[in-house]
Protein backbone atom coordinates (compact mmCIF):
# COMPACT_ATOMS: atom_id res chain seq x y z
CA MET A 1 -71.55 101.67 25.88
CA GLU A 2 -68.79 100.93 23.39
CA LYS A 3 -69.72 98.06 21.07
CA VAL A 4 -67.44 95.05 20.57
CA GLU A 5 -67.16 94.08 16.93
CA LYS A 6 -65.06 91.18 15.68
CA SER A 7 -64.84 89.09 12.55
CA ASP A 8 -66.30 85.61 12.53
CA ALA A 9 -62.74 84.22 12.53
CA GLU A 10 -61.87 86.27 15.64
CA TRP A 11 -64.97 84.98 17.48
CA LYS A 12 -64.10 81.38 16.53
CA GLU A 13 -60.58 81.88 17.88
CA GLN A 14 -61.77 83.42 21.16
CA LEU A 15 -64.70 81.13 22.03
CA ASP A 16 -64.87 77.38 22.49
CA PRO A 17 -67.09 75.64 19.89
CA GLU A 18 -70.21 75.41 22.11
CA ALA A 19 -69.99 79.06 23.23
CA TYR A 20 -69.44 80.12 19.62
CA LYS A 21 -72.52 78.13 18.50
CA VAL A 22 -74.70 79.80 21.14
CA LEU A 23 -73.33 83.35 21.21
CA ARG A 24 -72.65 83.87 17.52
CA LYS A 25 -75.01 81.42 15.76
CA HIS A 26 -78.02 81.71 18.11
CA GLY A 27 -77.80 78.10 19.24
CA THR A 28 -79.15 76.55 22.43
CA GLU A 29 -77.17 74.34 24.76
CA ARG A 30 -78.62 71.09 26.07
CA ALA A 31 -80.71 71.57 29.24
CA GLY A 32 -78.90 70.75 32.47
CA THR A 33 -75.45 71.52 31.06
CA HIS A 34 -74.65 74.36 33.49
CA GLU A 35 -76.29 73.64 36.81
CA ASP A 36 -73.01 73.89 38.72
CA PHE A 37 -72.77 77.68 38.85
CA PRO A 38 -71.61 79.08 42.20
CA LYS A 39 -74.23 79.90 44.81
CA GLY A 40 -72.55 82.93 46.41
CA PRO A 41 -72.97 86.61 45.53
CA GLY A 42 -71.63 87.76 42.21
CA THR A 43 -72.32 88.82 38.67
CA TYR A 44 -72.76 86.85 35.48
CA VAL A 45 -70.96 88.42 32.52
CA CYS A 46 -71.21 87.77 28.79
CA LYS A 47 -68.56 85.22 27.82
CA GLY A 48 -68.02 87.08 24.56
CA CYS A 49 -67.12 90.50 25.93
CA GLY A 50 -67.30 90.57 29.74
CA ASN A 51 -70.38 92.83 29.84
CA PRO A 52 -72.22 92.34 33.20
CA VAL A 53 -75.65 90.95 32.27
CA PHE A 54 -77.24 89.22 35.32
CA ASP A 55 -76.82 89.32 39.10
CA GLN A 56 -76.80 86.23 41.30
CA ALA A 57 -79.45 87.89 43.51
CA THR A 58 -82.02 87.63 40.68
CA LYS A 59 -81.28 83.98 39.80
CA PHE A 60 -83.92 81.38 40.62
CA ASP A 61 -84.51 77.68 40.04
CA SER A 62 -87.01 77.50 37.20
CA GLY A 63 -86.80 73.73 36.86
CA THR A 64 -86.04 74.09 33.15
CA GLY A 65 -82.37 73.05 33.22
CA TRP A 66 -81.10 76.48 32.15
CA PRO A 67 -79.94 79.32 34.41
CA SER A 68 -82.93 81.60 34.97
CA PHE A 69 -83.17 85.17 36.23
CA TYR A 70 -86.12 87.48 36.80
CA GLN A 71 -84.35 90.59 35.46
CA PRO A 72 -81.04 91.78 33.95
CA VAL A 73 -78.29 93.18 36.16
CA ASP A 74 -79.35 96.80 35.54
CA GLY A 75 -83.11 96.25 35.65
CA LEU A 76 -85.82 95.91 33.03
CA ASP A 77 -85.11 99.29 31.47
CA GLY A 78 -81.33 98.88 31.61
CA GLU A 79 -78.80 99.01 28.83
CA LYS A 80 -76.78 95.81 29.37
CA VAL A 81 -79.22 93.35 27.77
CA GLU A 82 -81.30 93.90 24.66
CA GLU A 83 -84.26 92.02 23.21
CA SER A 84 -85.43 91.20 19.70
CA VAL A 85 -88.16 89.09 18.09
CA ASP A 86 -87.16 85.51 17.28
CA ASN A 87 -89.45 83.75 14.78
CA SER A 88 -87.39 80.55 14.48
CA TRP A 89 -88.74 77.04 15.10
CA PHE A 90 -92.24 78.05 13.90
CA MET A 91 -92.93 80.16 16.99
CA LYS A 92 -92.59 83.74 18.15
CA ARG A 93 -90.23 84.28 21.09
CA THR A 94 -88.28 87.18 22.56
CA GLU A 95 -84.53 86.71 22.18
CA VAL A 96 -82.14 88.15 24.74
CA HIS A 97 -78.70 89.29 23.65
CA CYS A 98 -75.73 91.18 25.06
CA ALA A 99 -75.99 94.88 24.24
CA ARG A 100 -72.21 95.21 23.95
CA CYS A 101 -71.27 92.38 21.53
CA GLU A 102 -74.76 91.29 20.39
CA GLY A 103 -74.06 87.73 21.54
CA HIS A 104 -77.15 85.53 21.85
CA LEU A 105 -77.80 84.75 25.54
CA GLY A 106 -81.20 83.05 25.49
CA HIS A 107 -84.87 84.04 25.63
CA VAL A 108 -87.27 85.76 28.02
CA PHE A 109 -90.71 84.37 28.87
CA PRO A 110 -93.67 85.82 30.85
CA ASP A 111 -93.84 82.94 33.36
CA GLY A 112 -91.30 83.95 35.98
CA PRO A 113 -91.58 84.89 39.64
CA GLN A 114 -92.37 88.25 41.14
CA PRO A 115 -91.37 91.04 41.25
CA THR A 116 -91.19 91.04 37.41
CA GLY A 117 -93.10 87.92 36.38
CA LEU A 118 -90.38 87.27 33.79
CA ARG A 119 -88.06 84.32 33.25
CA TYR A 120 -84.83 85.10 31.46
CA CYS A 121 -83.88 81.59 30.32
CA ILE A 122 -80.15 81.87 29.59
CA ASN A 123 -77.59 79.52 28.07
CA GLY A 124 -74.99 78.90 30.77
CA VAL A 125 -72.27 78.48 28.14
CA ALA A 126 -72.80 82.15 27.21
CA LEU A 127 -71.92 83.31 30.74
CA ASP A 128 -68.95 83.58 33.05
CA PHE A 129 -69.40 84.13 36.80
CA GLU A 130 -67.50 86.81 38.70
CA PRO A 131 -67.80 86.38 42.48
CA ALA A 132 -68.42 89.49 44.58
CA ASN A 133 -65.32 90.79 46.36
C-alpha cells in the first residue's frame, strides 16, 4: 500500500479542525457526536486519505457513544488498519490508526461481541461513509 505523507500545513488545509485534532493530533471527539451514520450497506473510509478501514456489516451498538466495529474491513490480520501502544492518560491502551496515512482512528478493547470479542471504538469524525453500489 502506498503511504500518504503530507506536511502539517497540508493536513490543516485538507481537514476541518475537529478531524485534524483527532486524525493528526491523536484527539478524541465527544461521545455521541456521530450517531447519525447511515444504516445501509457500505464501507467506512479514513477521512484523511480514503483508505477503506471498516465495513458496515461489522458495526454494532456498543452503547459508548462512538462508532464501534468488531473487526477492520480486511479482517484482524489485514493491512488497512494498524495498532500501536498508547500510554497516554496514565493507562495502557491499543491505538488504532490508518495504515495508509497513519491517521489516529481510535482504540481497540477486548470487550466486544463475537466472533472476535473486540471493540474497535472509533472517532466518527475520522471516517467518511461510502454506501455500497
